[in-house]
Amino acid sequence: MNVLSLFDGMACGLVALKRSGIQVDNYYASEIDKYAIQIAKKNHPEIQHLGNIEDYESWDLPKIDLIIGGSPCQGFSFAGKQLNFNDPRSALFFKFVEILWKFKPDNFLMENVKMKKEYSEAISELLEVEPVLINSALVSAQNRKRLYWCDWDVDQPEDKEIFLKDIAGGNGGWGKTGIKQSGCVMVGLKSGNGSHEIQRRVYSQIGKAPTLMAMNTGGPTPPLIFIGGIEKGRRLHDGKDLSRNFREGSRIYHTDGKSAALTGQPKGGDGGYTGLYGISKTDYRRLTPIECERLQTLPDNYTEGVSNTQRYKMIGNGWTVDVIKHIFESIEI
């Protein structure tokens, strides 16, 4: 199979192809980030790098069987300004479409963030397929909802029930605790006001990590993880879906602080608490690059060889490999 990967990053697509057992004869990659290219070459010296996607008309390639890619998402993301196709980064999506027309592959896979319906419908109209929404939480310890457009049928992956406790630490997990949660379980905020509130959120090891980001305010910042022990938090409203926007009734509050104010009618009208308060700095730490690799189901130390800042950035920009592997396992070759 000849594969053309656009916006290739650190070649997560090739990792997924290899993991799914698909024979790749030639893997052509278009990428401009020098650090991502360095890591891709380290792990896959056979990759044939093509350079900037803007130069695609000069590419002289054999018959391409599969084109894959996820164009920059900042203009589509709910976390961004939602400028849709007017954002020059998201406008690169049209290069993906033009390359499909030029090389006419047998199959294609396009990935992007969950976005407004009008944006996804515009993409679907151009690609002539409907997307499937898959949350990486099914195969990893990270909540990461993404849309996947491909011209073959894809089912949802089986839930592997992997949580932060299973990937944290040098040996890949603290072990079983007997407690499971389906979503991002936040236990509080770290002390201080020197950074954006999102960067100060601390998550429990019994839940999922939030979506890894490539760039946050002040640079790439991995999530904070609670290490003080489950007994130091108090979980409210057992059984709720804790993955939705850190709803007030679903938050875990540190028992060393004061209770949040009781409210008469919080969201949902089900009673509960509001507010967050700080936890001791001895009770949390940042996730390491290896732990973030595990959240994306990459091999340990896959991104080793560049600074931690660049590692966090490319991991946040990357794909959850086992989601892509699952998608590839359905393709008819």
C-alpha atoms as a PDB file:
ATOM      1  CA  MET A   1       0.000   0.000   0.000  1.00  0.00           C
ATOM      2  CA  ASN A   2       1.184   3.513  -0.849  1.00  0.00           C
ATOM      3  CA  VAL A   3       0.125   6.029   1.786  1.00  0.00           C
ATOM      4  CA  LEU A   4       0.171   9.821   1.619  1.00  0.00           C
ATOM      5  CA  SER A   5      -0.062  11.516   5.023  1.00  0.00           C
ATOM      6  CA  LEU A   6      -0.902  15.224   5.079  1.00  0.00           C
ATOM      7  CA  PHE A   7      -0.173  17.363   8.154  1.00  0.00           C
ATOM      8  CA  ASP A   8       1.716  14.265   9.254  1.00  0.00           C
ATOM      9  CA  GLY A   9       3.141  15.594  12.508  1.00  0.00           C
ATOM     10  CA  MET A  10       5.178  12.868  14.210  1.00  0.00           C
ATOM     11  CA  ALA A  11       3.679  10.081  12.047  1.00  0.00           C
ATOM     12  CA  CYS A  12       0.976   8.773  14.391  1.00  0.00           C
ATOM     13  CA  GLY A  13      -0.757   7.487  11.259  1.00  0.00           C
ATOM     14  CA  LEU A  14       2.155   5.222  10.438  1.00  0.00           C
ATOM     15  CA  VAL A  15       2.255   3.913  14.009  1.00  0.00           C
ATOM     16  CA  ALA A  16      -1.440   3.028  13.669  1.00  0.00           C
ATOM     17  CA  LEU A  17      -0.947   1.361  10.283  1.00  0.00           C
ATOM     18  CA  LYS A  18       1.864  -0.788  11.638  1.00  0.00           C
ATOM     19  CA  ARG A  19      -0.114  -1.627  14.760  1.00  0.00           C
ATOM     20  CA  SER A  20      -3.112  -2.702  12.670  1.00  0.00           C
ATOM     21  CA  GLY A  21      -0.946  -5.056  10.591  1.00  0.00           C
ATOM     22  CA  ILE A  22      -1.386  -3.235   7.272  1.00  0.00           C
ATOM     23  CA  GLN A  23       1.562  -3.596   4.903  1.00  0.00           C
ATOM     24  CA  VAL A  24       2.881  -0.164   3.928  1.00  0.00           C
ATOM     25  CA  ASP A  25       5.174  -0.150   0.895  1.00  0.00           C
ATOM     26  CA  ASN A  26       5.704   3.609   0.724  1.00  0.00           C
ATOM     27  CA  TYR A  27       4.749   6.260   3.266  1.00  0.00           C
ATOM     28  CA  TYR A  28       4.899   9.824   1.964  1.00  0.00           C
ATOM     29  CA  ALA A  29       4.563  12.599   4.530  1.00  0.00           C
ATOM     30  CA  SER A  30       3.920  16.323   4.294  1.00  0.00           C
ATOM     31  CA  GLU A  31       4.918  18.250   7.405  1.00  0.00           C
ATOM     32  CA  ILE A  32       6.743  21.517   8.178  1.00  0.00           C
ATOM     33  CA  ASP A  33       7.387  21.332  11.948  1.00  0.00           C
ATOM     34  CA  LYS A  34      11.080  20.484  12.237  1.00  0.00           C
ATOM     35  CA  TYR A  35      10.739  18.871  15.659  1.00  0.00           C
ATOM     36  CA  ALA A  36       7.863  16.639  14.584  1.00  0.00           C
ATOM     37  CA  ILE A  37       9.856  15.638  11.489  1.00  0.00           C
ATOM     38  CA  GLN A  38      12.852  14.846  13.687  1.00  0.00           C
ATOM     39  CA  ILE A  39      10.777  12.500  15.855  1.00  0.00           C
ATOM     40  CA  ALA A  40       9.119  10.897  12.832  1.00  0.00           C
ATOM     41  CA  LYS A  41      12.530  10.199  11.267  1.00  0.00           C
ATOM     42  CA  LYS A  42      13.868   8.806  14.538  1.00  0.00           C
ATOM     43  CA  ASN A  43      11.052   6.279  14.796  1.00  0.00           C
ATOM     44  CA  HIS A  44      10.461   5.636  11.080  1.00  0.00           C
ATOM     45  CA  PRO A  45      13.555   6.274   8.938  1.00  0.00           C
ATOM     46  CA  GLU A  46      11.724   4.845   5.917  1.00  0.00           C
ATOM     47  CA  ILE A  47       9.347   7.828   5.663  1.00  0.00           C
ATOM     48  CA  GLN A  48       9.680   9.858   2.474  1.00  0.00           C
ATOM     49  CA  HIS A  49       9.219  13.499   3.430  1.00  0.00           C
ATOM     50  CA  LEU A  50       7.669  15.855   0.889  1.00  0.00           C
ATOM     51  CA  GLY A  51       7.807  19.194   2.694  1.00  0.00           C
ATOM     52  CA  ASN A  52       5.135  21.887   2.640  1.00  0.00           C
ATOM     53  CA  ILE A  53       1.610  20.953   1.546  1.00  0.00           C
ATOM     54  CA  GLU A  54       1.459  24.225  -0.397  1.00  0.00           C
ATOM     55  CA  ASP A  55       3.864  22.639  -2.902  1.00  0.00           C
ATOM     56  CA  TYR A  56       1.696  19.602  -3.627  1.00  0.00           C
ATOM     57  CA  GLU A  57       1.365  20.336  -7.342  1.00  0.00           C
ATOM     58  CA  SER A  58       5.074  19.532  -7.782  1.00  0.00           C
ATOM     59  CA  TRP A  59       4.865  16.145  -6.053  1.00  0.00           C
ATOM     60  CA  ASP A  60       5.646  13.253  -8.393  1.00  0.00           C
ATOM     61  CA  LEU A  61       4.140  10.204  -6.716  1.00  0.00           C
ATOM     62  CA  PRO A  62       3.043   6.719  -7.775  1.00  0.00           C
ATOM     63  CA  LYS A  63      -0.527   5.519  -7.442  1.00  0.00           C
ATOM     64  CA  ILE A  64      -1.684   6.449  -3.916  1.00  0.00           C
ATOM     65  CA  ASP A  65      -3.927   3.920  -2.170  1.00  0.00           C
ATOM     66  CA  LEU A  66      -4.699   5.868   1.006  1.00  0.00           C
ATOM     67  CA  ILE A  67      -4.585   9.557   1.944  1.00  0.00           C
ATOM     68  CA  ILE A  68      -4.800  10.455   5.632  1.00  0.00           C
ATOM     69  CA  GLY A  69      -4.630  13.704   7.523  1.00  0.00           C
ATOM     70  CA  GLY A  70      -6.048  16.052  10.086  1.00  0.00           C
ATOM     71  CA  SER A  71      -5.830  19.686   9.014  1.00  0.00           C
ATOM     72  CA  PRO A  72      -5.142  22.333  11.686  1.00  0.00           C
ATOM     73  CA  CYS A  73      -8.220  22.645  13.842  1.00  0.00           C
ATOM     74  CA  GLN A  74      -7.848  26.003  15.599  1.00  0.00           C
ATOM     75  CA  GLY A  75     -10.466  27.713  13.470  1.00  0.00           C
ATOM     76  CA  PHE A  76     -13.051  24.987  14.111  1.00  0.00           C
ATOM     77  CA  SER A  77     -12.465  24.184  17.782  1.00  0.00           C
ATOM     78  CA  PHE A  78     -14.941  25.170  20.474  1.00  0.00           C
ATOM     79  CA  ALA A  79     -11.822  26.068  22.480  1.00  0.00           C
ATOM     80  CA  GLY A  80     -10.731  28.521  19.789  1.00  0.00           C
ATOM     81  CA  LYS A  81     -12.318  31.549  18.154  1.00  0.00           C
ATOM     82  CA  GLN A  82     -14.498  29.406  15.879  1.00  0.00           C
ATOM     83  CA  LEU A  83     -13.594  31.376  12.767  1.00  0.00           C
ATOM     84  CA  ASN A  84     -14.300  28.308  10.635  1.00  0.00           C
ATOM     85  CA  PHE A  85     -12.987  28.459   7.067  1.00  0.00           C
ATOM     86  CA  ASN A  86     -11.960  32.118   7.395  1.00  0.00           C
ATOM     87  CA  ASP A  87      -9.108  31.098   9.685  1.00  0.00           C
ATOM     88  CA  PRO A  88      -6.042  30.562   7.443  1.00  0.00           C
ATOM     89  CA  ARG A  89      -5.046  27.466   9.425  1.00  0.00           C
ATOM     90  CA  SER A  90      -8.421  25.772   8.985  1.00  0.00           C
ATOM     91  CA  ALA A  91      -8.501  26.877   5.348  1.00  0.00           C
ATOM     92  CA  LEU A  92      -5.734  24.315   4.834  1.00  0.00           C
ATOM     93  CA  PHE A  93      -8.560  21.791   4.813  1.00  0.00           C
ATOM     94  CA  PHE A  94      -9.154  22.804   1.196  1.00  0.00           C
ATOM     95  CA  LYS A  95      -5.619  21.667   0.349  1.00  0.00           C
ATOM     96  CA  PHE A  96      -6.615  18.227   1.607  1.00  0.00           C
ATOM     97  CA  VAL A  97      -9.595  18.271  -0.765  1.00  0.00           C
ATOM     98  CA  GLU A  98      -7.504  19.476  -3.704  1.00  0.00           C
ATOM     99  CA  ILE A  99      -4.984  16.702  -3.096  1.00  0.00           C
ATOM    100  CA  LEU A 100      -7.800  14.130  -3.021  1.00  0.00           C
ATOM    101  CA  TRP A 101      -8.876  15.376  -6.443  1.00  0.00           C
ATOM    102  CA  LYS A 102      -5.324  15.285  -7.791  1.00  0.00           C
ATOM    103  CA  PHE A 103      -4.224  11.829  -6.579  1.00  0.00           C
ATOM    104  CA  LYS A 104      -7.597  10.040  -6.488  1.00  0.00           C
ATOM    105  CA  PRO A 105      -6.761   7.477  -3.782  1.00  0.00           C
ATOM    106  CA  ASP A 106      -8.785   4.329  -3.218  1.00  0.00           C
ATOM    107  CA  ASN A 107      -9.544   5.459   0.335  1.00  0.00           C
ATOM    108  CA  PHE A 108      -9.081   8.473   2.598  1.00  0.00           C
ATOM    109  CA  LEU A 109      -9.285   9.388   6.287  1.00  0.00           C
ATOM    110  CA  MET A 110      -9.808  12.943   7.508  1.00  0.00           C
ATOM    111  CA  GLU A 111      -9.778  13.871  11.202  1.00  0.00           C
ATOM    112  CA  ASN A 112     -10.821  17.059  12.962  1.00  0.00           C
ATOM    113  CA  VAL A 113     -12.236  18.361  16.218  1.00  0.00           C
ATOM    114  CA  LYS A 114     -15.865  18.289  17.255  1.00  0.00           C
ATOM    115  CA  MET A 115     -17.268  21.512  15.820  1.00  0.00           C
ATOM    116  CA  LYS A 116     -20.428  23.386  15.040  1.00  0.00           C
ATOM    117  CA  LYS A 117     -22.821  21.361  12.933  1.00  0.00           C
ATOM    118  CA  GLU A 118     -22.743  23.873  10.078  1.00  0.00           C
ATOM    119  CA  TYR A 119     -18.965  23.470   9.776  1.00  0.00           C
ATOM    120  CA  SER A 120     -19.003  19.662   9.861  1.00  0.00           C
ATOM    121  CA  GLU A 121     -21.810  19.598   7.310  1.00  0.00           C
ATOM    122  CA  ALA A 122     -19.761  21.781   4.965  1.00  0.00           C
ATOM    123  CA  ILE A 123     -16.832  19.360   5.257  1.00  0.00           C
ATOM    124  CA  SER A 124     -19.127  16.367   4.734  1.00  0.00           C
ATOM    125  CA  GLU A 125     -20.548  17.933   1.581  1.00  0.00           C
ATOM    126  CA  LEU A 126     -17.076  18.354   0.094  1.00  0.00           C
ATOM    127  CA  LEU A 127     -15.858  14.895   1.136  1.00  0.00           C
ATOM    128  CA  GLU A 128     -19.200  13.241   0.279  1.00  0.00           C
ATOM    129  CA  VAL A 129     -19.198  11.156   3.466  1.00  0.00           C
ATOM    130  CA  GLU A 130     -20.582  11.635   6.973  1.00  0.00           C
ATOM    131  CA  PRO A 131     -18.193  11.609   9.947  1.00  0.00           C
ATOM    132  CA  VAL A 132     -18.180   9.259  12.896  1.00  0.00           C
ATOM    133  CA  LEU A 133     -17.608  10.780  16.334  1.00  0.00           C
ATOM    134  CA  ILE A 134     -15.231   8.742  18.499  1.00  0.00           C
ATOM    135  CA  ASN A 135     -14.058   9.629  21.992  1.00  0.00           C
ATOM    136  CA  SER A 136     -10.499   8.492  22.720  1.00  0.00           C
ATOM    137  CA  ALA A 137     -11.724   7.682  26.231  1.00  0.00           C
ATOM    138  CA  LEU A 138     -12.884   4.327  24.870  1.00  0.00           C
ATOM    139  CA  VAL A 139      -9.308   3.199  24.211  1.00  0.00           C
ATOM    140  CA  SER A 140      -7.237   5.438  26.484  1.00  0.00           C
ATOM    141  CA  ALA A 141      -7.290   7.450  29.703  1.00  0.00           C
ATOM    142  CA  GLN A 142      -8.054  10.691  27.843  1.00  0.00           C
ATOM    143  CA  ASN A 143     -11.325  12.358  26.966  1.00  0.00           C
ATOM    144  CA  ARG A 144     -10.777  13.461  23.370  1.00  0.00           C
ATOM    145  CA  LYS A 145     -13.792  13.690  21.071  1.00  0.00           C
ATOM    146  CA  ARG A 146     -12.898  13.822  17.403  1.00  0.00           C
ATOM    147  CA  LEU A 147     -14.708  13.558  14.079  1.00  0.00           C
ATOM    148  CA  TYR A 148     -13.429  11.077  11.495  1.00  0.00           C
ATOM    149  CA  TRP A 149     -14.471  11.200   7.844  1.00  0.00           C
ATOM    150  CA  CYS A 150     -13.565   8.071   5.882  1.00  0.00           C
ATOM    151  CA  ASP A 151     -15.049   6.266   2.901  1.00  0.00           C
ATOM    152  CA  TRP A 152     -15.601   2.949   4.655  1.00  0.00           C
ATOM    153  CA  ASP A 153     -17.825   1.875   7.553  1.00  0.00           C
ATOM    154  CA  VAL A 154     -16.488   2.268  11.083  1.00  0.00           C
ATOM    155  CA  ASP A 155     -18.058   1.130  14.361  1.00  0.00           C
ATOM    156  CA  GLN A 156     -17.329   2.423  17.832  1.00  0.00           C
ATOM    157  CA  PRO A 157     -14.313   0.854  19.579  1.00  0.00           C
ATOM    158  CA  GLU A 158     -14.873  -1.374  22.576  1.00  0.00           C
ATOM    159  CA  ASP A 159     -14.421   0.416  25.895  1.00  0.00           C
ATOM    160  CA  LYS A 160     -11.114  -0.756  27.387  1.00  0.00           C
ATOM    161  CA  GLU A 161     -11.885   0.977  30.726  1.00  0.00           C
ATOM    162  CA  ILE A 162      -8.480   2.650  31.008  1.00  0.00           C
ATOM    163  CA  PHE A 163      -8.080   5.447  33.552  1.00  0.00           C
ATOM    164  CA  LEU A 164      -5.346   7.798  34.701  1.00  0.00           C
ATOM    165  CA  LYS A 165      -4.402   5.413  37.476  1.00  0.00           C
ATOM    166  CA  ASP A 166      -3.570   2.824  34.797  1.00  0.00           C
ATOM    167  CA  ILE A 167      -1.073   4.994  32.895  1.00  0.00           C
ATOM    168  CA  ALA A 168       0.509   7.127  35.617  1.00  0.00           C
ATOM    169  CA  GLY A 169       3.915   6.428  37.092  1.00  0.00           C
ATOM    170  CA  GLY A 170       7.128   4.917  35.798  1.00  0.00           C
ATOM    171  CA  ASN A 171       5.710   1.441  35.341  1.00  0.00           C
ATOM    172  CA  GLY A 172       2.458   2.535  33.758  1.00  0.00           C
ATOM    173  CA  GLY A 173      -0.053   2.616  36.576  1.00  0.00           C
ATOM    174  CA  TRP A 174      -0.791   2.744  40.260  1.00  0.00           C
ATOM    175  CA  GLY A 175      -2.855  -0.402  40.085  1.00  0.00           C
ATOM    176  CA  LYS A 176      -6.522  -1.076  40.668  1.00  0.00           C
ATOM    177  CA  THR A 177      -8.475   1.054  43.154  1.00  0.00           C
ATOM    178  CA  GLY A 178     -11.913  -0.461  42.792  1.00  0.00           C
ATOM    179  CA  ILE A 179     -13.340   2.912  41.697  1.00  0.00           C
ATOM    180  CA  LYS A 180     -14.191   3.751  38.094  1.00  0.00           C
ATOM    181  CA  GLN A 181     -15.361   7.012  36.549  1.00  0.00           C
ATOM    182  CA  SER A 182     -16.238   7.684  32.943  1.00  0.00           C
ATOM    183  CA  GLY A 183     -15.186  11.302  32.678  1.00  0.00           C
ATOM    184  CA  CYS A 184     -12.781  14.033  33.730  1.00  0.00           C
ATOM    185  CA  VAL A 185     -12.881  14.013  37.536  1.00  0.00           C
ATOM    186  CA  MET A 186     -11.605  17.327  38.830  1.00  0.00           C
ATOM    187  CA  VAL A 187     -10.609  17.591  42.485  1.00  0.00           C
ATOM    188  CA  GLY A 188      -9.896  21.306  42.656  1.00  0.00           C
ATOM    189  CA  LEU A 189      -7.519  24.067  41.626  1.00  0.00           C
ATOM    190  CA  LYS A 190      -3.876  24.510  42.484  1.00  0.00           C
ATOM    191  CA  SER A 191      -3.153  27.546  44.628  1.00  0.00           C
ATOM    192  CA  GLY A 192      -2.280  30.893  43.089  1.00  0.00           C
ATOM    193  CA  ASN A 193      -3.633  33.089  40.345  1.00  0.00           C
ATOM    194  CA  GLY A 194      -0.596  33.202  38.071  1.00  0.00           C
ATOM    195  CA  SER A 195      -2.044  31.106  35.246  1.00  0.00           C
ATOM    196  CA  HIS A 196      -5.300  30.525  33.428  1.00  0.00           C
ATOM    197  CA  GLU A 197      -7.847  28.552  35.427  1.00  0.00           C
ATOM    198  CA  ILE A 198      -7.765  25.690  32.909  1.00  0.00           C
ATOM    199  CA  GLN A 199      -4.051  25.239  33.631  1.00  0.00           C
ATOM    200  CA  ARG A 200      -4.736  25.107  37.376  1.00  0.00           C
ATOM    201  CA  ARG A 201      -7.358  22.358  37.279  1.00  0.00           C
ATOM    202  CA  VAL A 202      -6.289  19.185  39.075  1.00  0.00           C
ATOM    203  CA  TYR A 203      -7.702  15.798  38.062  1.00  0.00           C
ATOM    204  CA  SER A 204      -8.119  12.579  39.988  1.00  0.00           C
ATOM    205  CA  GLN A 205      -6.380   9.374  39.005  1.00  0.00           C
ATOM    206  CA  ILE A 206      -9.728   7.539  39.139  1.00  0.00           C
ATOM    207  CA  GLY A 207     -11.032   9.329  36.039  1.00  0.00           C
ATOM    208  CA  LYS A 208      -9.971  10.345  32.559  1.00  0.00           C
ATOM    209  CA  ALA A 209      -7.571  13.130  31.646  1.00  0.00           C
ATOM    210  CA  PRO A 210      -8.955  16.124  29.780  1.00  0.00           C
ATOM    211  CA  THR A 211      -8.076  16.527  26.124  1.00  0.00           C
ATOM    212  CA  LEU A 212      -4.361  17.105  25.641  1.00  0.00           C
ATOM    213  CA  MET A 213      -3.780  20.489  24.035  1.00  0.00           C
ATOM    214  CA  ALA A 214      -0.913  21.486  21.776  1.00  0.00           C
ATOM    215  CA  MET A 215      -0.833  25.068  22.965  1.00  0.00           C
ATOM    216  CA  ASN A 216      -2.445  26.699  25.994  1.00  0.00           C
ATOM    217  CA  THR A 217      -1.958  30.172  27.392  1.00  0.00           C
ATOM    218  CA  GLY A 218       1.746  30.411  28.126  1.00  0.00           C
ATOM    219  CA  GLY A 219       2.664  27.372  26.062  1.00  0.00           C
ATOM    220  CA  PRO A 220       1.981  23.636  26.015  1.00  0.00           C
ATOM    221  CA  THR A 221       0.918  22.583  29.494  1.00  0.00           C
ATOM    222  CA  PRO A 222       0.117  19.000  30.494  1.00  0.00           C
ATOM    223  CA  PRO A 223      -2.740  18.348  32.925  1.00  0.00           C
ATOM    224  CA  LEU A 224      -2.208  18.338  36.683  1.00  0.00           C
ATOM    225  CA  ILE A 225      -2.866  15.000  38.357  1.00  0.00           C
ATOM    226  CA  PHE A 226      -3.934  14.456  41.976  1.00  0.00           C
ATOM    227  CA  ILE A 227      -1.535  12.222  43.902  1.00  0.00           C
ATOM    228  CA  GLY A 228      -2.763  12.739  47.470  1.00  0.00           C
ATOM    229  CA  GLY A 229      -5.011   9.703  47.573  1.00  0.00           C
ATOM    230  CA  ILE A 230      -8.646   9.194  46.680  1.00  0.00           C
ATOM    231  CA  GLU A 231      -9.709   9.514  50.293  1.00  0.00           C
ATOM    232  CA  LYS A 232      -8.684  13.180  50.294  1.00  0.00           C
ATOM    233  CA  GLY A 233     -11.481  14.104  47.930  1.00  0.00           C
ATOM    234  CA  ARG A 234     -15.239  13.942  48.368  1.00  0.00           C
ATOM    235  CA  ARG A 235     -17.256  12.922  45.321  1.00  0.00           C
ATOM    236  CA  LEU A 236     -20.700  14.460  44.952  1.00  0.00           C
ATOM    237  CA  HIS A 237     -23.709  12.992  43.166  1.00  0.00           C
ATOM    238  CA  ASP A 238     -22.568   9.411  42.525  1.00  0.00           C
ATOM    239  CA  GLY A 239     -23.518   8.055  39.149  1.00  0.00           C
ATOM    240  CA  LYS A 240     -23.488  11.342  37.258  1.00  0.00           C
ATOM    241  CA  ASP A 241     -21.708  11.677  33.949  1.00  0.00           C
ATOM    242  CA  LEU A 242     -18.573  13.499  35.061  1.00  0.00           C
ATOM    243  CA  SER A 243     -17.341  14.181  31.544  1.00  0.00           C
ATOM    244  CA  ARG A 244     -19.523  17.188  30.765  1.00  0.00           C
ATOM    245  CA  ASN A 245     -18.050  20.602  31.457  1.00  0.00           C
ATOM    246  CA  PHE A 246     -17.109  19.843  35.065  1.00  0.00           C
ATOM    247  CA  ARG A 247     -20.708  20.397  36.187  1.00  0.00           C
ATOM    248  CA  GLU A 248     -20.897  21.856  39.657  1.00  0.00           C
ATOM    249  CA  GLY A 249     -22.631  18.859  41.171  1.00  0.00           C
ATOM    250  CA  SER A 250     -20.005  16.496  39.789  1.00  0.00           C
ATOM    251  CA  ARG A 251     -16.856  18.120  41.130  1.00  0.00           C
ATOM    252  CA  ILE A 252     -14.693  16.640  43.872  1.00  0.00           C
ATOM    253  CA  TYR A 253     -13.694  19.090  46.613  1.00  0.00           C
ATOM    254  CA  HIS A 254     -10.680  18.784  48.886  1.00  0.00           C
ATOM    255  CA  THR A 255     -11.639  17.984  52.466  1.00  0.00           C
ATOM    256  CA  ASP A 256      -8.950  20.259  53.933  1.00  0.00           C
ATOM    257  CA  GLY A 257     -10.836  23.351  52.752  1.00  0.00           C
ATOM    258  CA  LYS A 258     -14.232  24.925  53.336  1.00  0.00           C
ATOM    259  CA  SER A 259     -17.380  23.685  51.693  1.00  0.00           C
ATOM    260  CA  ALA A 260     -18.519  25.500  48.603  1.00  0.00           C
ATOM    261  CA  ALA A 261     -21.700  27.541  49.050  1.00  0.00           C
ATOM    262  CA  LEU A 262     -24.902  25.549  48.966  1.00  0.00           C
ATOM    263  CA  THR A 263     -27.180  26.595  46.131  1.00  0.00           C
ATOM    264  CA  GLY A 264     -30.898  26.286  45.848  1.00  0.00           C
ATOM    265  CA  GLN A 265     -31.150  25.586  42.130  1.00  0.00           C
ATOM    266  CA  PRO A 266     -27.853  24.830  40.391  1.00  0.00           C
ATOM    267  CA  LYS A 267     -27.805  23.607  36.808  1.00  0.00           C
ATOM    268  CA  GLY A 268     -30.166  20.711  36.439  1.00  0.00           C
ATOM    269  CA  GLY A 269     -32.085  21.650  39.582  1.00  0.00           C
ATOM    270  CA  ASP A 270     -30.701  18.660  41.466  1.00  0.00           C
ATOM    271  CA  GLY A 271     -29.052  20.358  44.407  1.00  0.00           C
ATOM    272  CA  GLY A 272     -25.332  20.601  45.062  1.00  0.00           C
ATOM    273  CA  TYR A 273     -22.378  22.862  45.599  1.00  0.00           C
ATOM    274  CA  THR A 274     -20.724  25.651  43.649  1.00  0.00           C
ATOM    275  CA  GLY A 275     -17.174  26.961  43.488  1.00  0.00           C
ATOM    276  CA  LEU A 276     -13.702  25.488  43.730  1.00  0.00           C
ATOM    277  CA  TYR A 277     -10.915  25.946  46.206  1.00  0.00           C
ATOM    278  CA  GLY A 278      -7.206  25.204  46.239  1.00  0.00           C
ATOM    279  CA  ILE A 279      -5.444  22.030  47.288  1.00  0.00           C
ATOM    280  CA  SER A 280      -1.993  21.583  48.764  1.00  0.00           C
ATOM    281  CA  LYS A 281       0.874  21.752  46.275  1.00  0.00           C
ATOM    282  CA  THR A 282       2.120  18.451  47.674  1.00  0.00           C
ATOM    283  CA  ASP A 283      -0.988  16.732  46.370  1.00  0.00           C
ATOM    284  CA  TYR A 284      -0.531  17.251  42.635  1.00  0.00           C
ATOM    285  CA  ARG A 285       1.990  17.224  39.820  1.00  0.00           C
ATOM    286  CA  ARG A 286       2.080  17.645  36.055  1.00  0.00           C
ATOM    287  CA  LEU A 287       1.738  14.602  33.852  1.00  0.00           C
ATOM    288  CA  THR A 288       5.113  13.643  32.400  1.00  0.00           C
ATOM    289  CA  PRO A 289       5.819  13.405  28.654  1.00  0.00           C
ATOM    290  CA  ILE A 290       5.719   9.586  28.900  1.00  0.00           C
ATOM    291  CA  GLU A 291       2.329   9.699  30.614  1.00  0.00           C
ATOM    292  CA  CYS A 292       1.036  12.035  27.903  1.00  0.00           C
ATOM    293  CA  GLU A 293       2.361   9.612  25.284  1.00  0.00           C
ATOM    294  CA  ARG A 294       0.339   6.890  26.995  1.00  0.00           C
ATOM    295  CA  LEU A 295      -2.767   9.092  26.859  1.00  0.00           C
ATOM    296  CA  GLN A 296      -2.302   9.115  23.076  1.00  0.00           C
ATOM    297  CA  THR A 297      -1.497   5.362  23.163  1.00  0.00           C
ATOM    298  CA  LEU A 298       1.981   5.983  21.780  1.00  0.00           C
ATOM    299  CA  PRO A 299       4.987   3.857  22.780  1.00  0.00           C
ATOM    300  CA  ASP A 300       6.889   5.105  25.809  1.00  0.00           C
ATOM    301  CA  ASN A 301       9.560   7.660  24.881  1.00  0.00           C
ATOM    302  CA  TYR A 302       8.306   7.891  21.299  1.00  0.00           C
ATOM    303  CA  THR A 303       8.875  11.670  21.426  1.00  0.00           C
ATOM    304  CA  GLU A 304      12.195  11.506  23.280  1.00  0.00           C
ATOM    305  CA  GLY A 305      14.986  13.522  21.667  1.00  0.00           C
ATOM    306  CA  VAL A 306      13.578  17.061  21.798  1.00  0.00           C
ATOM    307  CA  SER A 307      12.720  19.425  24.645  1.00  0.00           C
ATOM    308  CA  ASN A 308       9.757  18.644  26.891  1.00  0.00           C
ATOM    309  CA  THR A 309       8.036  21.751  25.550  1.00  0.00           C
ATOM    310  CA  GLN A 310       8.209  20.346  22.018  1.00  0.00           C
ATOM    311  CA  ARG A 311       7.213  16.892  23.244  1.00  0.00           C
ATOM    312  CA  TYR A 312       4.056  18.206  24.901  1.00  0.00           C
ATOM    313  CA  LYS A 313       3.238  20.284  21.825  1.00  0.00           C
ATOM    314  CA  MET A 314       3.503  17.453  19.313  1.00  0.00           C
ATOM    315  CA  ILE A 315       1.682  14.997  21.589  1.00  0.00           C
ATOM    316  CA  GLY A 316      -1.189  17.461  21.897  1.00  0.00           C
ATOM    317  CA  ASN A 317      -1.199  17.906  18.121  1.00  0.00           C
ATOM    318  CA  GLY A 318      -1.121  14.161  17.499  1.00  0.00           C
ATOM    319  CA  TRP A 319      -3.699  11.435  17.071  1.00  0.00           C
ATOM    320  CA  THR A 320      -4.778   8.836  19.595  1.00  0.00           C
ATOM    321  CA  VAL A 321      -3.077   5.931  17.842  1.00  0.00           C
ATOM    322  CA  ASP A 322      -5.417   3.164  18.977  1.00  0.00           C
ATOM    323  CA  VAL A 323      -8.453   5.072  17.665  1.00  0.00           C
ATOM    324  CA  ILE A 324      -6.795   5.287  14.236  1.00  0.00           C
ATOM    325  CA  LYS A 325      -5.766   1.632  14.496  1.00  0.00           C
ATOM    326  CA  HIS A 326      -9.392   0.696  15.149  1.00  0.00           C
ATOM    327  CA  ILE A 327     -10.504   2.689  12.109  1.00  0.00           C
ATOM    328  CA  PHE A 328      -7.872   1.072   9.879  1.00  0.00           C
ATOM    329  CA  GLU A 329      -8.873  -2.409  10.988  1.00  0.00           C
ATOM    330  CA  SER A 330     -12.215  -1.909   9.179  1.00  0.00           C
ATOM    331  CA  ILE A 331     -10.717  -0.935   5.818  1.00  0.00           C
ATOM    332  CA  GLU A 332     -10.953  -3.415   2.945  1.00  0.00           C
ATOM    333  CA  ILE A 333      -7.596  -3.650   1.197  1.00  0.00           C
END
